[in-house]
Every structure is written in structure tokens, then in C-alpha cells.
PDB file of N, CA and C in Angstrom:
ATOM      1  N   MET A   1      27.618  30.337   4.471  1.00  0.00           N
ATOM      2  CA  MET A   1      27.274  28.971   4.188  1.00  0.00           C
ATOM      3  C   MET A   1      26.892  28.870   2.722  1.00  0.00           C
ATOM      4  N   SER A   2      27.476  27.929   2.010  1.00  0.00           N
ATOM      5  CA  SER A   2      27.154  27.748   0.599  1.00  0.00           C
ATOM      6  C   SER A   2      26.669  26.323   0.373  1.00  0.00           C
ATOM      7  N   SER A   3      25.885  26.176  -0.646  1.00  0.00           N
ATOM      8  CA  SER A   3      25.404  24.835  -0.981  1.00  0.00           C
ATOM      9  C   SER A   3      25.452  24.654  -2.484  1.00  0.00           C
ATOM     10  N   THR A   4      25.689  23.434  -2.912  1.00  0.00           N
ATOM     11  CA  THR A   4      25.755  23.097  -4.319  1.00  0.00           C
ATOM     12  C   THR A   4      24.795  21.955  -4.585  1.00  0.00           C
ATOM     13  N   THR A   5      24.014  22.078  -5.621  1.00  0.00           N
ATOM     14  CA  THR A   5      23.072  21.028  -5.985  1.00  0.00           C
ATOM     15  C   THR A   5      23.359  20.596  -7.411  1.00  0.00           C
ATOM     16  N   GLU A   6      23.559  19.312  -7.608  1.00  0.00           N
ATOM     17  CA  GLU A   6      23.789  18.764  -8.935  1.00  0.00           C
ATOM     18  C   GLU A   6      22.679  17.775  -9.241  1.00  0.00           C
ATOM     19  N   ILE A   7      22.024  17.960 -10.360  1.00  0.00           N
ATOM     20  CA  ILE A   7      20.993  17.025 -10.791  1.00  0.00           C
ATOM     21  C   ILE A   7      21.366  16.584 -12.196  1.00  0.00           C
ATOM     22  N   HIS A   8      21.562  15.277 -12.360  1.00  0.00           N
ATOM     23  CA  HIS A   8      21.900  14.774 -13.680  1.00  0.00           C
ATOM     24  C   HIS A   8      21.451  13.331 -13.826  1.00  0.00           C
ATOM     25  N   ASP A   9      21.370  12.910 -15.053  1.00  0.00           N
ATOM     26  CA  ASP A   9      21.021  11.535 -15.378  1.00  0.00           C
ATOM     27  C   ASP A   9      22.316  10.737 -15.439  1.00  0.00           C
ATOM     28  N   PRO A  10      22.416   9.571 -14.760  1.00  0.00           N
ATOM     29  CA  PRO A  10      23.667   8.829 -14.755  1.00  0.00           C
ATOM     30  C   PRO A  10      24.105   8.366 -16.140  1.00  0.00           C
ATOM     31  N   ALA A  11      23.173   8.183 -17.050  1.00  0.00           N
ATOM     32  CA  ALA A  11      23.543   7.740 -18.388  1.00  0.00           C
ATOM     33  C   ALA A  11      23.887   8.910 -19.296  1.00  0.00           C
ATOM     34  N   GLY A  12      23.655  10.138 -18.851  1.00  0.00           N
ATOM     35  CA  GLY A  12      23.964  11.303 -19.653  1.00  0.00           C
ATOM     36  C   GLY A  12      22.928  11.582 -20.728  1.00  0.00           C
ATOM     37  N   LEU A  13      21.720  11.061 -20.578  1.00  0.00           N
ATOM     38  CA  LEU A  13      20.676  11.242 -21.570  1.00  0.00           C
ATOM     39  C   LEU A  13      19.759  12.381 -21.164  1.00  0.00           C
ATOM     40  N   THR A  14      19.107  12.977 -22.143  1.00  0.00           N
ATOM     41  CA  THR A  14      18.108  13.987 -21.836  1.00  0.00           C
ATOM     42  C   THR A  14      16.826  13.298 -21.412  1.00  0.00           C
ATOM     43  N   ALA A  15      15.883  14.074 -20.899  1.00  0.00           N
ATOM     44  CA  ALA A  15      14.625  13.496 -20.411  1.00  0.00           C
ATOM     45  C   ALA A  15      13.854  12.822 -21.541  1.00  0.00           C
ATOM     46  N   LYS A  16      13.869  13.419 -22.738  1.00  0.00           N
ATOM     47  CA  LYS A  16      13.137  12.824 -23.856  1.00  0.00           C
ATOM     48  C   LYS A  16      13.755  11.504 -24.286  1.00  0.00           C
ATOM     49  N   GLU A  17      15.087  11.415 -24.270  1.00  0.00           N
ATOM     50  CA  GLU A  17      15.751  10.191 -24.688  1.00  0.00           C
ATOM     51  C   GLU A  17      15.562   9.071 -23.680  1.00  0.00           C
ATOM     52  N   SER A  18      15.513   9.415 -22.388  1.00  0.00           N
ATOM     53  CA  SER A  18      15.425   8.376 -21.374  1.00  0.00           C
ATOM     54  C   SER A  18      14.018   7.830 -21.221  1.00  0.00           C
ATOM     55  N   LYS A  19      13.005   8.615 -21.600  1.00  0.00           N
ATOM     56  CA  LYS A  19      11.633   8.115 -21.540  1.00  0.00           C
ATOM     57  C   LYS A  19      11.409   7.225 -22.750  1.00  0.00           C
ATOM     58  N   SER A  20      11.126   6.007 -22.500  1.00  0.00           N
ATOM     59  CA  SER A  20      10.957   5.057 -23.579  1.00  0.00           C
ATOM     60  C   SER A  20       9.570   4.457 -23.517  1.00  0.00           C
ATOM     61  N   SER A  21       9.050   4.116 -24.669  1.00  0.00           N
ATOM     62  CA  SER A  21       7.737   3.473 -24.697  1.00  0.00           C
ATOM     63  C   SER A  21       7.819   2.051 -24.162  1.00  0.00           C
ATOM     64  N   LEU A  22       9.034   1.514 -24.044  1.00  0.00           N
ATOM     65  CA  LEU A  22       9.177   0.154 -23.522  1.00  0.00           C
ATOM     66  C   LEU A  22       8.762   0.063 -22.065  1.00  0.00           C
ATOM     67  N   PHE A  23       8.956   1.136 -21.289  1.00  0.00           N
ATOM     68  CA  PHE A  23       8.525   1.128 -19.891  1.00  0.00           C
ATOM     69  C   PHE A  23       7.020   0.919 -19.803  1.00  0.00           C
ATOM     70  N   GLY A  24       6.281   1.645 -20.619  1.00  0.00           N
ATOM     71  CA  GLY A  24       4.830   1.538 -20.609  1.00  0.00           C
ATOM     72  C   GLY A  24       4.352   0.181 -21.069  1.00  0.00           C
ATOM     73  N   MET A  25       4.979  -0.352 -22.090  1.00  0.00           N
ATOM     74  CA  MET A  25       4.565  -1.661 -22.598  1.00  0.00           C
ATOM     75  C   MET A  25       4.858  -2.755 -21.585  1.00  0.00           C
ATOM     76  N   HIS A  26       5.981  -2.662 -20.913  1.00  0.00           N
ATOM     77  CA  HIS A  26       6.337  -3.671 -19.911  1.00  0.00           C
ATOM     78  C   HIS A  26       5.348  -3.648 -18.749  1.00  0.00           C
ATOM     79  N   ALA A  27       4.974  -2.459 -18.302  1.00  0.00           N
ATOM     80  CA  ALA A  27       4.027  -2.346 -17.195  1.00  0.00           C
ATOM     81  C   ALA A  27       2.646  -2.846 -17.600  1.00  0.00           C
ATOM     82  N   LEU A  28       2.236  -2.558 -18.836  1.00  0.00           N
ATOM     83  CA  LEU A  28       0.943  -3.057 -19.300  1.00  0.00           C
ATOM     84  C   LEU A  28       0.940  -4.577 -19.411  1.00  0.00           C
ATOM     85  N   GLN A  29       2.055  -5.139 -19.837  1.00  0.00           N
ATOM     86  CA  GLN A  29       2.154  -6.596 -19.911  1.00  0.00           C
ATOM     87  C   GLN A  29       2.060  -7.204 -18.515  1.00  0.00           C
ATOM     88  N   GLN A  30       2.723  -6.596 -17.542  1.00  0.00           N
ATOM     89  CA  GLN A  30       2.636  -7.095 -16.172  1.00  0.00           C
ATOM     90  C   GLN A  30       1.219  -6.974 -15.629  1.00  0.00           C
ATOM     91  N   ALA A  31       0.525  -5.891 -15.970  1.00  0.00           N
ATOM     92  CA  ALA A  31      -0.860  -5.734 -15.520  1.00  0.00           C
ATOM     93  C   ALA A  31      -1.744  -6.817 -16.112  1.00  0.00           C
ATOM     94  N   ALA A  32      -1.541  -7.122 -17.390  1.00  0.00           N
ATOM     95  CA  ALA A  32      -2.338  -8.174 -18.028  1.00  0.00           C
ATOM     96  C   ALA A  32      -2.076  -9.529 -17.379  1.00  0.00           C
ATOM     97  N   LEU A  33      -0.831  -9.806 -17.039  1.00  0.00           N
ATOM     98  CA  LEU A  33      -0.512 -11.077 -16.380  1.00  0.00           C
ATOM     99  C   LEU A  33      -1.137 -11.156 -14.994  1.00  0.00           C
ATOM    100  N   ARG A  34      -1.129 -10.063 -14.257  1.00  0.00           N
ATOM    101  CA  ARG A  34      -1.748 -10.063 -12.926  1.00  0.00           C
ATOM    102  C   ARG A  34      -3.256 -10.255 -13.018  1.00  0.00           C
ATOM    103  N   ILE A  35      -3.869  -9.616 -14.004  1.00  0.00           N
ATOM    104  CA  ILE A  35      -5.317  -9.775 -14.175  1.00  0.00           C
ATOM    105  C   ILE A  35      -5.649 -11.220 -14.531  1.00  0.00           C
ATOM    106  N   ALA A  36      -4.836 -11.833 -15.384  1.00  0.00           N
ATOM    107  CA  ALA A  36      -5.070 -13.235 -15.741  1.00  0.00           C
ATOM    108  C   ALA A  36      -4.914 -14.137 -14.524  1.00  0.00           C
ATOM    109  N   ASP A  37      -3.924 -13.866 -13.687  1.00  0.00           N
ATOM    110  CA  ASP A  37      -3.744 -14.666 -12.470  1.00  0.00           C
ATOM    111  C   ASP A  37      -4.930 -14.512 -11.529  1.00  0.00           C
ATOM    112  N   LEU A  38      -5.423 -13.291 -11.379  1.00  0.00           N
ATOM    113  CA  LEU A  38      -6.564 -13.059 -10.501  1.00  0.00           C
ATOM    114  C   LEU A  38      -7.830 -13.721 -11.041  1.00  0.00           C
ATOM    115  N   ARG A  39      -7.975 -13.744 -12.350  1.00  0.00           N
ATOM    116  CA  ARG A  39      -9.163 -14.342 -12.962  1.00  0.00           C
ATOM    117  C   ARG A  39      -9.228 -15.838 -12.697  1.00  0.00           C
ATOM    118  N   HIS A  40      -8.097 -16.504 -12.732  1.00  0.00           N
ATOM    119  CA  HIS A  40      -8.074 -17.949 -12.504  1.00  0.00           C
ATOM    120  C   HIS A  40      -8.245 -18.300 -11.035  1.00  0.00           C
ATOM    121  N   GLY A  41      -7.882 -17.405 -10.144  1.00  0.00           N
ATOM    122  CA  GLY A  41      -7.892 -17.723  -8.719  1.00  0.00           C
ATOM    123  C   GLY A  41      -9.224 -17.545  -8.030  1.00  0.00           C
ATOM    124  N   ASN A  42      -9.882 -16.420  -8.190  1.00  0.00           N
ATOM    125  CA  ASN A  42     -11.062 -16.094  -7.398  1.00  0.00           C
ATOM    126  C   ASN A  42     -12.253 -15.845  -8.315  1.00  0.00           C
ATOM    127  N   ALA A  43     -13.331 -16.581  -8.121  1.00  0.00           N
ATOM    128  CA  ALA A  43     -14.525 -16.423  -8.948  1.00  0.00           C
ATOM    129  C   ALA A  43     -15.309 -15.169  -8.565  1.00  0.00           C
ATOM    130  N   ALA A  44     -15.129 -14.668  -7.350  1.00  0.00           N
ATOM    131  CA  ALA A  44     -15.872 -13.506  -6.871  1.00  0.00           C
ATOM    132  C   ALA A  44     -15.097 -12.211  -7.114  1.00  0.00           C
ATOM    133  N   PHE A  45     -14.287 -12.182  -8.137  1.00  0.00           N
ATOM    134  CA  PHE A  45     -13.495 -10.997  -8.472  1.00  0.00           C
ATOM    135  C   PHE A  45     -14.425  -9.906  -8.985  1.00  0.00           C
ATOM    136  N   LYS A  46     -14.356  -8.712  -8.412  1.00  0.00           N
ATOM    137  CA  LYS A  46     -15.300  -7.639  -8.734  1.00  0.00           C
ATOM    138  C   LYS A  46     -14.676  -6.613  -9.669  1.00  0.00           C
ATOM    139  N   THR A  47     -15.524  -5.840 -10.307  1.00  0.00           N
ATOM    140  CA  THR A  47     -15.075  -4.822 -11.251  1.00  0.00           C
ATOM    141  C   THR A  47     -14.225  -3.763 -10.565  1.00  0.00           C
ATOM    142  N   MET A  48     -14.569  -3.414  -9.355  1.00  0.00           N
ATOM    143  CA  MET A  48     -13.800  -2.400  -8.621  1.00  0.00           C
ATOM    144  C   MET A  48     -12.374  -2.881  -8.369  1.00  0.00           C
ATOM    145  N   ASP A  49     -12.189  -4.167  -8.132  1.00  0.00           N
ATOM    146  CA  ASP A  49     -10.841  -4.707  -7.959  1.00  0.00           C
ATOM    147  C   ASP A  49     -10.032  -4.550  -9.244  1.00  0.00           C
ATOM    148  N   LEU A  50     -10.671  -4.783 -10.381  1.00  0.00           N
ATOM    149  CA  LEU A  50     -10.002  -4.624 -11.672  1.00  0.00           C
ATOM    150  C   LEU A  50      -9.592  -3.166 -11.895  1.00  0.00           C
ATOM    151  N   VAL A  51     -10.473  -2.249 -11.569  1.00  0.00           N
ATOM    152  CA  VAL A  51     -10.166  -0.819 -11.713  1.00  0.00           C
ATOM    153  C   VAL A  51      -8.996  -0.438 -10.814  1.00  0.00           C
ATOM    154  N   ASN A  52      -8.967  -0.950  -9.595  1.00  0.00           N
ATOM    155  CA  ASN A  52      -7.863  -0.651  -8.676  1.00  0.00           C
ATOM    156  C   ASN A  52      -6.540  -1.187  -9.186  1.00  0.00           C
ATOM    157  N   VAL A  53      -6.547  -2.383  -9.765  1.00  0.00           N
ATOM    158  CA  VAL A  53      -5.313  -2.952 -10.325  1.00  0.00           C
ATOM    159  C   VAL A  53      -4.820  -2.090 -11.483  1.00  0.00           C
ATOM    160  N   LEU A  54      -5.726  -1.660 -12.352  1.00  0.00           N
ATOM    161  CA  LEU A  54      -5.327  -0.830 -13.492  1.00  0.00           C
ATOM    162  C   LEU A  54      -4.811   0.541 -13.045  1.00  0.00           C
ATOM    163  N   LEU A  55      -5.432   1.138 -12.033  1.00  0.00           N
ATOM    164  CA  LEU A  55      -4.945   2.422 -11.513  1.00  0.00           C
ATOM    165  C   LEU A  55      -3.560   2.281 -10.897  1.00  0.00           C
ATOM    166  N   CYS A  56      -3.350   1.190 -10.195  1.00  0.00           N
ATOM    167  CA  CYS A  56      -2.042   0.935  -9.588  1.00  0.00           C
ATOM    168  C   CYS A  56      -0.969   0.783 -10.664  1.00  0.00           C
ATOM    169  N   GLN A  57      -1.290   0.059 -11.730  1.00  0.00           N
ATOM    170  CA  GLN A  57      -0.324  -0.141 -12.807  1.00  0.00           C
ATOM    171  C   GLN A  57      -0.063   1.156 -13.566  1.00  0.00           C
ATOM    172  N   ALA A  58      -1.074   2.000 -13.713  1.00  0.00           N
ATOM    173  CA  ALA A  58      -0.871   3.289 -14.385  1.00  0.00           C
ATOM    174  C   ALA A  58       0.074   4.171 -13.573  1.00  0.00           C
ATOM    175  N   ALA A  59      -0.083   4.181 -12.253  1.00  0.00           N
ATOM    176  CA  ALA A  59       0.814   4.965 -11.396  1.00  0.00           C
ATOM    177  C   ALA A  59       2.230   4.407 -11.455  1.00  0.00           C
ATOM    178  N   ARG A  60       2.345   3.103 -11.496  1.00  0.00           N
ATOM    179  CA  ARG A  60       3.665   2.467 -11.575  1.00  0.00           C
ATOM    180  C   ARG A  60       4.349   2.800 -12.899  1.00  0.00           C
ATOM    181  N   THR A  61       3.579   2.796 -13.983  1.00  0.00           N
ATOM    182  CA  THR A  61       4.127   3.139 -15.293  1.00  0.00           C
ATOM    183  C   THR A  61       4.622   4.579 -15.313  1.00  0.00           C
ATOM    184  N   ARG A  62       3.867   5.483 -14.707  1.00  0.00           N
ATOM    185  CA  ARG A  62       4.264   6.890 -14.648  1.00  0.00           C
ATOM    186  C   ARG A  62       5.575   7.052 -13.884  1.00  0.00           C
ATOM    187  N   ARG A  63       5.711   6.344 -12.764  1.00  0.00           N
ATOM    188  CA  ARG A  63       6.956   6.436 -11.986  1.00  0.00           C
ATOM    189  C   ARG A  63       8.125   5.811 -12.735  1.00  0.00           C
ATOM    190  N   ALA A  64       7.880   4.727 -13.470  1.00  0.00           N
ATOM    191  CA  ALA A  64       8.958   4.060 -14.207  1.00  0.00           C
ATOM    192  C   ALA A  64       9.441   4.901 -15.382  1.00  0.00           C
ATOM    193  N   ALA A  65       8.570   5.744 -15.937  1.00  0.00           N
ATOM    194  CA  ALA A  65       8.945   6.563 -17.091  1.00  0.00           C
ATOM    195  C   ALA A  65       9.735   7.804 -16.697  1.00  0.00           C
ATOM    196  N   MET A  66       9.768   8.136 -15.410  1.00  0.00           N
ATOM    197  CA  MET A  66      10.519   9.310 -14.965  1.00  0.00           C
ATOM    198  C   MET A  66      12.017   9.037 -15.043  1.00  0.00           C
ATOM    199  N   PRO A  67      12.790  10.033 -15.446  1.00  0.00           N
ATOM    200  CA  PRO A  67      14.235   9.824 -15.517  1.00  0.00           C
ATOM    201  C   PRO A  67      14.843   9.712 -14.116  1.00  0.00           C
ATOM    202  N   PRO A  68      15.893   8.902 -13.976  1.00  0.00           N
ATOM    203  CA  PRO A  68      16.547   8.799 -12.671  1.00  0.00           C
ATOM    204  C   PRO A  68      17.223  10.120 -12.291  1.00  0.00           C
ATOM    205  N   VAL A  69      17.217  10.424 -11.010  1.00  0.00           N
ATOM    206  CA  VAL A  69      17.763  11.696 -10.526  1.00  0.00           C
ATOM    207  C   VAL A  69      18.756  11.418  -9.408  1.00  0.00           C
ATOM    208  N   ARG A  70      19.857  12.143  -9.415  1.00  0.00           N
ATOM    209  CA  ARG A  70      20.825  12.102  -8.320  1.00  0.00           C
ATOM    210  C   ARG A  70      20.917  13.496  -7.735  1.00  0.00           C
ATOM    211  N   LEU A  71      20.954  13.558  -6.433  1.00  0.00           N
ATOM    212  CA  LEU A  71      21.024  14.836  -5.733  1.00  0.00           C
ATOM    213  C   LEU A  71      22.205  14.795  -4.784  1.00  0.00           C
ATOM    214  N   ARG A  72      23.049  15.802  -4.876  1.00  0.00           N
ATOM    215  CA  ARG A  72      24.237  15.870  -4.028  1.00  0.00           C
ATOM    216  C   ARG A  72      24.303  17.254  -3.407  1.00  0.00           C
ATOM    217  N   ILE A  73      24.311  17.335  -2.088  1.00  0.00           N
ATOM    218  CA  ILE A  73      24.307  18.615  -1.385  1.00  0.00           C
ATOM    219  C   ILE A  73      25.521  18.678  -0.466  1.00  0.00           C
ATOM    220  N   HIS A  74      26.300  19.742  -0.592  1.00  0.00           N
ATOM    221  CA  HIS A  74      27.435  19.999   0.296  1.00  0.00           C
ATOM    222  C   HIS A  74      27.198  21.338   0.975  1.00  0.00           C
ATOM    223  N   SER A  75      27.439  21.396   2.259  1.00  0.00           N
ATOM    224  CA  SER A  75      27.371  22.686   2.958  1.00  0.00           C
ATOM    225  C   SER A  75      28.712  22.917   3.642  1.00  0.00           C
ATOM    226  N   ASP A  76      29.238  24.114   3.492  1.00  0.00           N
ATOM    227  CA  ASP A  76      30.533  24.453   4.074  1.00  0.00           C
ATOM    228  C   ASP A  76      30.332  25.088   5.448  1.00  0.00           C
ATOM    229  N   GLY A  77      31.132  24.631   6.405  1.00  0.00           N
ATOM    230  CA  GLY A  77      31.088  25.203   7.751  1.00  0.00           C
ATOM    231  C   GLY A  77      31.976  26.424   7.858  1.00  0.00           C
ATOM    232  N   ARG A  78      32.015  27.007   9.019  1.00  0.00           N
ATOM    233  CA  ARG A  78      32.809  28.219   9.234  1.00  0.00           C
ATOM    234  C   ARG A  78      34.301  27.944   9.175  1.00  0.00           C
ATOM    235  N   ASN A  79      34.726  26.760   9.599  1.00  0.00           N
ATOM    236  CA  ASN A  79      36.155  26.445   9.607  1.00  0.00           C
ATOM    237  C   ASN A  79      36.601  25.717   8.339  1.00  0.00           C
ATOM    238  N   GLY A  80      35.742  25.648   7.322  1.00  0.00           N
ATOM    239  CA  GLY A  80      36.115  25.017   6.064  1.00  0.00           C
ATOM    240  C   GLY A  80      35.811  23.535   6.001  1.00  0.00           C
ATOM    241  N   VAL A  81      35.381  22.953   7.107  1.00  0.00           N
ATOM    242  CA  VAL A  81      35.041  21.530   7.139  1.00  0.00           C
ATOM    243  C   VAL A  81      33.551  21.386   6.831  1.00  0.00           C
ATOM    244  N   SER A  82      33.238  20.402   6.038  1.00  0.00           N
ATOM    245  CA  SER A  82      31.843  20.182   5.667  1.00  0.00           C
ATOM    246  C   SER A  82      31.121  19.430   6.782  1.00  0.00           C
ATOM    247  N   PRO A  83      30.195  20.085   7.499  1.00  0.00           N
ATOM    248  CA  PRO A  83      29.511  19.419   8.605  1.00  0.00           C
ATOM    249  C   PRO A  83      28.460  18.413   8.137  1.00  0.00           C
ATOM    250  N   VAL A  84      27.927  18.624   6.947  1.00  0.00           N
ATOM    251  CA  VAL A  84      26.863  17.745   6.450  1.00  0.00           C
ATOM    252  C   VAL A  84      27.168  17.351   5.022  1.00  0.00           C
ATOM    253  N   ARG A  85      27.100  16.066   4.737  1.00  0.00           N
ATOM    254  CA  ARG A  85      27.179  15.570   3.369  1.00  0.00           C
ATOM    255  C   ARG A  85      25.976  14.671   3.155  1.00  0.00           C
ATOM    256  N   LEU A  86      25.224  14.960   2.155  1.00  0.00           N
ATOM    257  CA  LEU A  86      24.000  14.224   1.897  1.00  0.00           C
ATOM    258  C   LEU A  86      23.999  13.779   0.451  1.00  0.00           C
ATOM    259  N   ARG A  87      23.830  12.480   0.220  1.00  0.00           N
ATOM    260  CA  ARG A  87      23.731  11.942  -1.134  1.00  0.00           C
ATOM    261  C   ARG A  87      22.491  11.072  -1.223  1.00  0.00           C
ATOM    262  N   LEU A  88      21.660  11.370  -2.165  1.00  0.00           N
ATOM    263  CA  LEU A  88      20.478  10.564  -2.440  1.00  0.00           C
ATOM    264  C   LEU A  88      20.621  10.026  -3.853  1.00  0.00           C
ATOM    265  N   SER A  89      20.593   8.734  -4.000  1.00  0.00           N
ATOM    266  CA  SER A  89      20.703   8.144  -5.338  1.00  0.00           C
ATOM    267  C   SER A  89      19.510   7.284  -5.625  1.00  0.00           C
TER     268      SER A  89
END
């Protein structure tokens, strides 16, 4: 049984090239807009809620800065037919 794994960026860029500061700025702008919306809506808005919103946006920014990954796995059966084909995009 053999398996092949291919991991590549669809745009053909390296990890350093695909990570852009624009992802972080866009997420920070969205966080600021959400905080402004929350400020106008509820007078009983607490500091812990603000911290939770900022932590959520930081995690989102980290995920957005990661390069896209494609995974392709083929396994060969005994008779030459591939019993399993798995593609995650």
C-alpha cells in the first residue's frame, strides 16, 4: 500500500509571501467596527465582554494569516484500483 501527500499553496507563493499585513489590518478594522456597534447598543457593556471580543478577533487574525493548504491522499489497492480518494481543500 502506498500513499502520496501533496501540500502546496494554490497561488504558488511561499509562506512569507502569502502572509500579508493586510489580513491583520482588516481584522483589526472589523474588531473596531464591532466594538463601536456594541457601544451604541447596550449601556451595560462590561470590560470582560470587550476582552472576549478582542481575543476572538486575535484568533481570527491568526487563522486568516495562515497560508491556504491543499491535501491530496491516494492509496493503492492490491488490484491496482484506488479504494480511497480523499481531497481536502
